[in-house]
Amino acid sequence: MATGYTRLQIALHWLIAVLIVANYFFSEEMPDIFDGMLEGKPVEGLTPLFHVWAGVAVLVLVLLRLVFKVLSKGEHEVAVSLQDKAAVWTHRLLYLLMIAVPVLGMMTWFRSMDATADLHVYAVNALMILVLGHAAMALFHQYVLKDGLLLKMIRAR
C-alpha cells in the first residue's frame, strides 16, 4: 500500500472531500430548481450556482489527482491481503463515482437532460455511502488498529 502522500496530493484529497460534502448539503433544492428550469423558469439564487460549479471543480480536481496518482512513484497500490484488495477496489469505485457524479450532473444541468437526473442522484447516494465507509475505515485504522494510516493523509512524506 502507499507509504505516504505529497503535500499536493493531501491538499487535493481534502479539497475534494470538502467540496463533495458541501455540495451534498447544497443539493436538497436542486431537483425543484432543475424542474423549474425545464419549465422555463429563471434560475435564481446561489444554491444552483455553487452546486453546479463545485461539481465541475470536483471533476477537474479528481482528474488532476488521478494524473498525480499515476505519475507518483511511491503510490502504486499492491493488494496482497483481502483487506488491501477491499481498499484498492473501494478507491477505484470512489474515483469512478467522483468522475461519474459530476459528468452526470453536467449532462443533466447543461444539456437539460432529465433522463440523467435520476442517475445523478443514485450515483451521488452511492458516492456518499462510499465516502462515509472510507472515512469510517480511516478512523478505524487510526484509533482501533493504531497503524497510523490516517496520518498519511495529514502529514506529507
N, C-alpha and C. Protein backbone atom coordinates (compact mmCIF):
# COMPACT_ATOMS: atom_id res chain seq x y z
N MET A 1 0.85 -1.18 0.00
CA MET A 1 0.00 0.00 0.00
C MET A 1 0.89 1.24 0.00
N ALA A 2 0.27 2.39 -0.17
CA ALA A 2 1.02 3.64 -0.27
C ALA A 2 1.79 3.92 1.02
N THR A 3 2.97 4.50 0.85
CA THR A 3 3.80 4.80 2.01
C THR A 3 3.59 6.22 2.50
N GLY A 4 2.93 7.03 1.77
CA GLY A 4 2.67 8.41 2.15
C GLY A 4 2.31 9.23 0.92
N TYR A 5 1.93 10.46 1.15
CA TYR A 5 1.45 11.31 0.07
C TYR A 5 2.19 12.64 0.11
N THR A 6 2.26 13.30 -1.05
CA THR A 6 2.87 14.62 -1.13
C THR A 6 1.89 15.66 -0.60
N ARG A 7 2.41 16.86 -0.36
CA ARG A 7 1.53 17.95 0.09
C ARG A 7 0.42 18.22 -0.93
N LEU A 8 0.77 18.17 -2.21
CA LEU A 8 -0.21 18.41 -3.25
C LEU A 8 -1.31 17.34 -3.23
N GLN A 9 -0.93 16.08 -3.09
CA GLN A 9 -1.92 15.00 -3.03
C GLN A 9 -2.83 15.16 -1.81
N ILE A 10 -2.25 15.53 -0.69
CA ILE A 10 -3.03 15.73 0.53
C ILE A 10 -3.99 16.91 0.36
N ALA A 11 -3.49 18.00 -0.20
CA ALA A 11 -4.35 19.17 -0.43
C ALA A 11 -5.51 18.83 -1.37
N LEU A 12 -5.21 18.12 -2.45
CA LEU A 12 -6.27 17.72 -3.38
C LEU A 12 -7.29 16.82 -2.70
N HIS A 13 -6.81 15.86 -1.91
CA HIS A 13 -7.71 14.94 -1.20
C HIS A 13 -8.70 15.71 -0.34
N TRP A 14 -8.19 16.61 0.51
CA TRP A 14 -9.07 17.31 1.44
C TRP A 14 -9.94 18.35 0.75
N LEU A 15 -9.43 19.00 -0.30
CA LEU A 15 -10.24 19.95 -1.04
C LEU A 15 -11.40 19.24 -1.74
N ILE A 16 -11.11 18.10 -2.36
CA ILE A 16 -12.16 17.30 -3.00
C ILE A 16 -13.18 16.84 -1.95
N ALA A 17 -12.70 16.37 -0.81
CA ALA A 17 -13.59 15.89 0.25
C ALA A 17 -14.53 17.00 0.72
N VAL A 18 -13.97 18.18 0.97
CA VAL A 18 -14.79 19.31 1.44
C VAL A 18 -15.82 19.70 0.38
N LEU A 19 -15.40 19.76 -0.87
CA LEU A 19 -16.34 20.11 -1.95
C LEU A 19 -17.46 19.09 -2.08
N ILE A 20 -17.13 17.81 -1.98
CA ILE A 20 -18.16 16.77 -2.10
C ILE A 20 -19.17 16.87 -0.97
N VAL A 21 -18.68 16.99 0.26
CA VAL A 21 -19.59 17.05 1.41
C VAL A 21 -20.42 18.34 1.36
N ALA A 22 -19.77 19.48 1.07
CA ALA A 22 -20.51 20.74 0.99
C ALA A 22 -21.55 20.68 -0.12
N ASN A 23 -21.17 20.12 -1.25
CA ASN A 23 -22.09 20.04 -2.37
C ASN A 23 -23.29 19.15 -2.06
N TYR A 24 -23.05 18.12 -1.30
CA TYR A 24 -24.15 17.24 -0.89
C TYR A 24 -25.19 18.04 -0.10
N PHE A 25 -24.72 18.91 0.79
CA PHE A 25 -25.64 19.69 1.60
C PHE A 25 -26.30 20.82 0.82
N PHE A 26 -25.73 21.19 -0.32
CA PHE A 26 -26.33 22.20 -1.18
C PHE A 26 -27.19 21.57 -2.28
N SER A 27 -27.49 20.29 -2.16
CA SER A 27 -28.20 19.60 -3.24
C SER A 27 -29.69 19.44 -3.01
N GLU A 28 -30.16 19.71 -1.81
CA GLU A 28 -31.56 19.42 -1.48
C GLU A 28 -32.55 20.14 -2.40
N GLU A 29 -32.26 21.39 -2.74
CA GLU A 29 -33.19 22.18 -3.56
C GLU A 29 -33.02 21.92 -5.06
N MET A 30 -31.95 21.23 -5.45
CA MET A 30 -31.63 21.12 -6.87
C MET A 30 -32.71 20.44 -7.72
N PRO A 31 -33.38 19.38 -7.26
CA PRO A 31 -34.44 18.80 -8.11
C PRO A 31 -35.54 19.80 -8.45
N ASP A 32 -35.97 20.59 -7.46
CA ASP A 32 -37.01 21.60 -7.72
C ASP A 32 -36.49 22.70 -8.65
N ILE A 33 -35.25 23.11 -8.44
CA ILE A 33 -34.66 24.15 -9.29
C ILE A 33 -34.53 23.63 -10.72
N PHE A 34 -34.10 22.38 -10.86
CA PHE A 34 -33.95 21.79 -12.20
C PHE A 34 -35.31 21.66 -12.89
N ASP A 35 -36.32 21.17 -12.16
CA ASP A 35 -37.66 21.05 -12.75
C ASP A 35 -38.17 22.42 -13.20
N GLY A 36 -37.93 23.44 -12.38
CA GLY A 36 -38.33 24.80 -12.77
C GLY A 36 -37.60 25.27 -14.01
N MET A 37 -36.32 24.94 -14.11
CA MET A 37 -35.54 25.31 -15.28
C MET A 37 -36.12 24.65 -16.54
N LEU A 38 -36.50 23.37 -16.41
CA LEU A 38 -37.10 22.67 -17.55
C LEU A 38 -38.43 23.30 -17.97
N GLU A 39 -39.13 23.90 -17.00
CA GLU A 39 -40.42 24.56 -17.29
C GLU A 39 -40.22 25.99 -17.79
N GLY A 40 -38.96 26.43 -17.89
CA GLY A 40 -38.68 27.76 -18.40
C GLY A 40 -38.56 28.84 -17.34
N LYS A 41 -38.61 28.47 -16.09
CA LYS A 41 -38.46 29.45 -15.01
C LYS A 41 -37.00 29.87 -14.90
N PRO A 42 -36.76 31.13 -14.52
CA PRO A 42 -35.37 31.57 -14.38
C PRO A 42 -34.70 30.90 -13.16
N VAL A 43 -33.43 30.61 -13.31
CA VAL A 43 -32.65 30.01 -12.22
C VAL A 43 -32.11 31.16 -11.37
N GLU A 44 -32.46 31.13 -10.09
CA GLU A 44 -32.06 32.21 -9.19
C GLU A 44 -31.39 31.65 -7.95
N GLY A 45 -30.63 32.49 -7.29
CA GLY A 45 -30.01 32.13 -6.02
C GLY A 45 -28.62 31.56 -6.17
N LEU A 46 -27.97 31.41 -5.03
CA LEU A 46 -26.60 30.91 -5.01
C LEU A 46 -26.51 29.38 -5.00
N THR A 47 -27.57 28.72 -4.56
CA THR A 47 -27.53 27.26 -4.44
C THR A 47 -27.18 26.59 -5.77
N PRO A 48 -27.90 26.89 -6.86
CA PRO A 48 -27.54 26.20 -8.11
C PRO A 48 -26.17 26.61 -8.62
N LEU A 49 -25.82 27.86 -8.45
CA LEU A 49 -24.51 28.34 -8.88
C LEU A 49 -23.40 27.59 -8.15
N PHE A 50 -23.50 27.51 -6.82
CA PHE A 50 -22.49 26.79 -6.04
C PHE A 50 -22.48 25.31 -6.41
N HIS A 51 -23.65 24.70 -6.44
CA HIS A 51 -23.75 23.26 -6.65
C HIS A 51 -23.13 22.86 -7.99
N VAL A 52 -23.50 23.55 -9.04
CA VAL A 52 -23.01 23.20 -10.37
C VAL A 52 -21.50 23.41 -10.47
N TRP A 53 -21.02 24.57 -10.03
CA TRP A 53 -19.59 24.86 -10.22
C TRP A 53 -18.72 24.10 -9.23
N ALA A 54 -19.24 23.76 -8.06
CA ALA A 54 -18.49 22.89 -7.16
C ALA A 54 -18.36 21.50 -7.77
N GLY A 55 -19.41 21.04 -8.46
CA GLY A 55 -19.34 19.76 -9.16
C GLY A 55 -18.30 19.77 -10.27
N VAL A 56 -18.26 20.84 -11.03
CA VAL A 56 -17.24 20.98 -12.08
C VAL A 56 -15.85 20.97 -11.45
N ALA A 57 -15.70 21.70 -10.34
CA ALA A 57 -14.40 21.76 -9.65
C ALA A 57 -13.99 20.37 -9.16
N VAL A 58 -14.93 19.60 -8.63
CA VAL A 58 -14.62 18.24 -8.18
C VAL A 58 -14.10 17.41 -9.34
N LEU A 59 -14.76 17.49 -10.47
CA LEU A 59 -14.31 16.73 -11.64
C LEU A 59 -12.88 17.10 -12.04
N VAL A 60 -12.61 18.38 -12.15
CA VAL A 60 -11.27 18.84 -12.54
C VAL A 60 -10.23 18.40 -11.51
N LEU A 61 -10.53 18.57 -10.23
CA LEU A 61 -9.57 18.21 -9.18
C LEU A 61 -9.35 16.70 -9.11
N VAL A 62 -10.39 15.92 -9.32
CA VAL A 62 -10.24 14.46 -9.31
C VAL A 62 -9.37 14.02 -10.49
N LEU A 63 -9.59 14.61 -11.65
CA LEU A 63 -8.75 14.27 -12.80
C LEU A 63 -7.30 14.64 -12.55
N LEU A 64 -7.07 15.81 -11.93
CA LEU A 64 -5.70 16.18 -11.54
C LEU A 64 -5.12 15.18 -10.55
N ARG A 65 -5.93 14.79 -9.58
CA ARG A 65 -5.49 13.81 -8.57
C ARG A 65 -5.10 12.49 -9.22
N LEU A 66 -5.87 12.07 -10.21
CA LEU A 66 -5.54 10.83 -10.92
C LEU A 66 -4.25 10.96 -11.71
N VAL A 67 -4.03 12.11 -12.33
CA VAL A 67 -2.77 12.32 -13.05
C VAL A 67 -1.59 12.22 -12.09
N PHE A 68 -1.69 12.88 -10.94
CA PHE A 68 -0.61 12.82 -9.95
C PHE A 68 -0.45 11.42 -9.39
N LYS A 69 -1.56 10.71 -9.24
CA LYS A 69 -1.50 9.34 -8.74
C LYS A 69 -0.74 8.44 -9.70
N VAL A 70 -1.03 8.59 -10.97
CA VAL A 70 -0.35 7.78 -11.99
C VAL A 70 1.14 8.15 -12.07
N LEU A 71 1.44 9.43 -11.96
CA LEU A 71 2.82 9.88 -12.08
C LEU A 71 3.65 9.66 -10.82
N SER A 72 2.98 9.46 -9.68
CA SER A 72 3.68 9.29 -8.40
C SER A 72 4.43 7.96 -8.38
N LYS A 73 5.67 8.03 -7.95
CA LYS A 73 6.49 6.81 -7.90
C LYS A 73 6.17 5.94 -6.68
N GLY A 74 5.71 6.54 -5.59
CA GLY A 74 5.56 5.78 -4.36
C GLY A 74 4.15 5.36 -4.02
N GLU A 75 3.20 5.59 -4.91
CA GLU A 75 1.82 5.38 -4.52
C GLU A 75 1.12 4.28 -5.32
N HIS A 76 1.82 3.37 -5.88
CA HIS A 76 1.19 2.29 -6.63
C HIS A 76 0.77 1.19 -5.66
N GLU A 77 -0.52 0.93 -5.64
CA GLU A 77 -1.08 0.01 -4.66
C GLU A 77 -0.85 -1.44 -5.08
N VAL A 78 -0.35 -2.22 -4.14
CA VAL A 78 -0.19 -3.65 -4.35
C VAL A 78 -1.07 -4.34 -3.32
N ALA A 79 -2.12 -4.97 -3.80
CA ALA A 79 -3.08 -5.60 -2.89
C ALA A 79 -2.67 -7.05 -2.65
N VAL A 80 -2.34 -7.34 -1.39
CA VAL A 80 -1.95 -8.70 -1.02
C VAL A 80 -3.07 -9.34 -0.21
N SER A 81 -3.41 -8.73 0.90
CA SER A 81 -4.44 -9.29 1.78
C SER A 81 -5.83 -8.93 1.26
N LEU A 82 -6.83 -9.59 1.81
CA LEU A 82 -8.21 -9.29 1.47
C LEU A 82 -8.55 -7.84 1.83
N GLN A 83 -8.03 -7.38 2.96
CA GLN A 83 -8.25 -6.00 3.39
C GLN A 83 -7.64 -5.02 2.38
N ASP A 84 -6.43 -5.31 1.90
CA ASP A 84 -5.79 -4.46 0.89
C ASP A 84 -6.61 -4.44 -0.40
N LYS A 85 -7.09 -5.61 -0.82
CA LYS A 85 -7.89 -5.70 -2.04
C LYS A 85 -9.18 -4.89 -1.90
N ALA A 86 -9.81 -4.97 -0.74
CA ALA A 86 -11.03 -4.20 -0.49
C ALA A 86 -10.73 -2.70 -0.56
N ALA A 87 -9.60 -2.29 0.00
CA ALA A 87 -9.22 -0.87 -0.04
C ALA A 87 -8.97 -0.41 -1.48
N VAL A 88 -8.27 -1.21 -2.25
CA VAL A 88 -7.97 -0.86 -3.64
C VAL A 88 -9.26 -0.71 -4.43
N TRP A 89 -10.17 -1.67 -4.29
CA TRP A 89 -11.42 -1.60 -5.05
C TRP A 89 -12.33 -0.47 -4.56
N THR A 90 -12.30 -0.18 -3.28
CA THR A 90 -13.07 0.96 -2.76
C THR A 90 -12.54 2.25 -3.36
N HIS A 91 -11.22 2.40 -3.42
CA HIS A 91 -10.64 3.60 -4.04
C HIS A 91 -10.99 3.69 -5.51
N ARG A 92 -10.96 2.58 -6.21
CA ARG A 92 -11.34 2.59 -7.63
C ARG A 92 -12.79 3.02 -7.82
N LEU A 93 -13.67 2.50 -6.96
CA LEU A 93 -15.08 2.90 -7.04
C LEU A 93 -15.26 4.37 -6.67
N LEU A 94 -14.51 4.83 -5.68
CA LEU A 94 -14.57 6.25 -5.32
C LEU A 94 -14.18 7.12 -6.52
N TYR A 95 -13.08 6.79 -7.16
CA TYR A 95 -12.65 7.57 -8.33
C TYR A 95 -13.70 7.51 -9.44
N LEU A 96 -14.22 6.32 -9.71
CA LEU A 96 -15.24 6.17 -10.75
C LEU A 96 -16.44 7.07 -10.45
N LEU A 97 -16.92 7.03 -9.22
CA LEU A 97 -18.09 7.83 -8.85
C LEU A 97 -17.77 9.32 -8.77
N MET A 98 -16.54 9.67 -8.36
CA MET A 98 -16.18 11.09 -8.31
C MET A 98 -16.07 11.68 -9.72
N ILE A 99 -15.94 10.84 -10.71
CA ILE A 99 -15.98 11.30 -12.11
C ILE A 99 -17.42 11.21 -12.64
N ALA A 100 -18.09 10.10 -12.38
CA ALA A 100 -19.44 9.89 -12.91
C ALA A 100 -20.45 10.90 -12.37
N VAL A 101 -20.38 11.21 -11.09
CA VAL A 101 -21.37 12.12 -10.49
C VAL A 101 -21.33 13.50 -11.16
N PRO A 102 -20.17 14.15 -11.26
CA PRO A 102 -20.18 15.46 -11.93
C PRO A 102 -20.52 15.38 -13.43
N VAL A 103 -20.07 14.32 -14.11
CA VAL A 103 -20.39 14.18 -15.53
C VAL A 103 -21.91 14.05 -15.71
N LEU A 104 -22.53 13.21 -14.91
CA LEU A 104 -23.99 13.06 -14.97
C LEU A 104 -24.69 14.37 -14.60
N GLY A 105 -24.15 15.05 -13.60
CA GLY A 105 -24.71 16.34 -13.20
C GLY A 105 -24.61 17.38 -14.30
N MET A 106 -23.46 17.41 -14.97
CA MET A 106 -23.29 18.37 -16.07
C MET A 106 -24.20 18.03 -17.25
N MET A 107 -24.35 16.74 -17.54
CA MET A 107 -25.27 16.34 -18.60
C MET A 107 -26.69 16.77 -18.25
N THR A 108 -27.05 16.59 -16.99
CA THR A 108 -28.38 16.96 -16.53
C THR A 108 -28.59 18.46 -16.63
N TRP A 109 -27.64 19.23 -16.10
CA TRP A 109 -27.80 20.68 -15.98
C TRP A 109 -27.57 21.42 -17.29
N PHE A 110 -26.41 21.19 -17.91
CA PHE A 110 -26.04 21.98 -19.08
C PHE A 110 -26.75 21.54 -20.36
N ARG A 111 -27.19 20.30 -20.40
CA ARG A 111 -27.90 19.80 -21.58
C ARG A 111 -29.39 19.60 -21.31
N SER A 112 -29.83 19.98 -20.12
CA SER A 112 -31.24 19.82 -19.71
C SER A 112 -31.74 18.40 -19.97
N MET A 113 -30.92 17.44 -19.58
CA MET A 113 -31.25 16.03 -19.81
C MET A 113 -31.91 15.44 -18.56
N ASP A 114 -33.22 15.44 -18.59
CA ASP A 114 -33.98 14.91 -17.46
C ASP A 114 -33.68 13.42 -17.24
N ALA A 115 -33.33 12.71 -18.31
CA ALA A 115 -33.06 11.27 -18.21
C ALA A 115 -31.85 10.97 -17.32
N THR A 116 -30.92 11.88 -17.22
CA THR A 116 -29.72 11.63 -16.40
C THR A 116 -29.89 12.11 -14.97
N ALA A 117 -30.94 12.83 -14.68
CA ALA A 117 -31.13 13.39 -13.33
C ALA A 117 -31.21 12.29 -12.27
N ASP A 118 -32.00 11.26 -12.53
CA ASP A 118 -32.12 10.17 -11.56
C ASP A 118 -30.79 9.41 -11.42
N LEU A 119 -30.10 9.19 -12.54
CA LEU A 119 -28.80 8.52 -12.47
C LEU A 119 -27.82 9.33 -11.62
N HIS A 120 -27.87 10.65 -11.77
CA HIS A 120 -27.01 11.54 -10.97
C HIS A 120 -27.31 11.35 -9.48
N VAL A 121 -28.58 11.32 -9.13
CA VAL A 121 -28.98 11.16 -7.72
C VAL A 121 -28.53 9.80 -7.18
N TYR A 122 -28.74 8.73 -7.94
CA TYR A 122 -28.32 7.40 -7.50
C TYR A 122 -26.80 7.34 -7.32
N ALA A 123 -26.08 7.94 -8.26
CA ALA A 123 -24.61 7.94 -8.18
C ALA A 123 -24.14 8.74 -6.97
N VAL A 124 -24.81 9.86 -6.69
CA VAL A 124 -24.47 10.67 -5.51
C VAL A 124 -24.67 9.84 -4.24
N ASN A 125 -25.78 9.15 -4.15
CA ASN A 125 -26.05 8.34 -2.96
C ASN A 125 -25.00 7.24 -2.80
N ALA A 126 -24.64 6.59 -3.90
CA ALA A 126 -23.59 5.56 -3.83
C ALA A 126 -22.26 6.18 -3.41
N LEU A 127 -21.95 7.35 -3.97
CA LEU A 127 -20.71 8.03 -3.60
C LEU A 127 -20.69 8.37 -2.11
N MET A 128 -21.78 8.87 -1.59
CA MET A 128 -21.81 9.26 -0.17
C MET A 128 -21.67 8.04 0.73
N ILE A 129 -22.24 6.91 0.33
CA ILE A 129 -22.06 5.68 1.12
C ILE A 129 -20.59 5.29 1.13
N LEU A 130 -19.94 5.35 -0.03
CA LEU A 130 -18.51 5.02 -0.09
C LEU A 130 -17.66 6.02 0.69
N VAL A 131 -18.00 7.31 0.59
CA VAL A 131 -17.26 8.34 1.34
C VAL A 131 -17.36 8.08 2.83
N LEU A 132 -18.56 7.79 3.31
CA LEU A 132 -18.74 7.50 4.74
C LEU A 132 -17.98 6.24 5.15
N GLY A 133 -18.04 5.21 4.33
CA GLY A 133 -17.28 3.99 4.61
C GLY A 133 -15.78 4.24 4.60
N HIS A 134 -15.32 5.04 3.64
CA HIS A 134 -13.90 5.40 3.54
C HIS A 134 -13.45 6.13 4.82
N ALA A 135 -14.23 7.11 5.23
CA ALA A 135 -13.89 7.86 6.44
C ALA A 135 -13.93 6.96 7.68
N ALA A 136 -14.94 6.11 7.76
CA ALA A 136 -15.05 5.20 8.91
C ALA A 136 -13.86 4.25 8.98
N MET A 137 -13.44 3.74 7.85
CA MET A 137 -12.29 2.83 7.84
C MET A 137 -10.99 3.56 8.19
N ALA A 138 -10.86 4.79 7.73
CA ALA A 138 -9.66 5.57 8.10
C ALA A 138 -9.61 5.78 9.61
N LEU A 139 -10.75 6.10 10.21
CA LEU A 139 -10.82 6.26 11.66
C LEU A 139 -10.58 4.93 12.38
N PHE A 140 -11.11 3.85 11.84
CA PHE A 140 -10.88 2.52 12.40
C PHE A 140 -9.38 2.19 12.41
N HIS A 141 -8.73 2.45 11.29
CA HIS A 141 -7.29 2.19 11.22
C HIS A 141 -6.52 3.04 12.24
N GLN A 142 -6.92 4.30 12.34
CA GLN A 142 -6.18 5.21 13.22
C GLN A 142 -6.40 4.89 14.69
N TYR A 143 -7.65 4.65 15.09
CA TYR A 143 -7.95 4.57 16.51
C TYR A 143 -8.15 3.15 17.05
N VAL A 144 -8.43 2.19 16.20
CA VAL A 144 -8.59 0.81 16.66
C VAL A 144 -7.33 0.01 16.33
N LEU A 145 -6.96 0.00 15.07
CA LEU A 145 -5.74 -0.73 14.67
C LEU A 145 -4.47 0.02 15.05
N LYS A 146 -4.60 1.33 15.21
CA LYS A 146 -3.47 2.20 15.61
C LYS A 146 -2.26 2.00 14.68
N ASP A 147 -2.54 1.97 13.38
CA ASP A 147 -1.46 1.76 12.41
C ASP A 147 -1.00 3.05 11.73
N GLY A 148 -1.55 4.20 12.14
CA GLY A 148 -1.10 5.48 11.61
C GLY A 148 -1.57 5.79 10.20
N LEU A 149 -2.52 5.02 9.69
CA LEU A 149 -2.97 5.21 8.32
C LEU A 149 -3.51 6.62 8.07
N LEU A 150 -4.31 7.13 8.98
CA LEU A 150 -4.89 8.46 8.81
C LEU A 150 -3.82 9.55 8.73
N LEU A 151 -2.74 9.37 9.45
CA LEU A 151 -1.67 10.36 9.46
C LEU A 151 -1.03 10.51 8.08
N LYS A 152 -1.10 9.48 7.24
CA LYS A 152 -0.54 9.58 5.89
C LYS A 152 -1.25 10.64 5.07
N MET A 153 -2.52 10.90 5.38
CA MET A 153 -3.28 11.88 4.62
C MET A 153 -3.30 13.23 5.34
N ILE A 154 -2.51 13.34 6.39
CA ILE A 154 -2.39 14.61 7.12
C ILE A 154 -0.97 15.15 7.01
N ARG A 155 0.01 14.27 7.12
CA ARG A 155 1.43 14.66 7.06
C ARG A 155 2.03 14.21 5.72
N ALA A 156 2.68 15.14 5.06
CA ALA A 156 3.31 14.82 3.77
C ALA A 156 4.56 13.98 3.99
N ARG A 157 4.87 13.16 2.98
CA ARG A 157 6.09 12.34 3.05
C ARG A 157 7.30 13.18 2.76
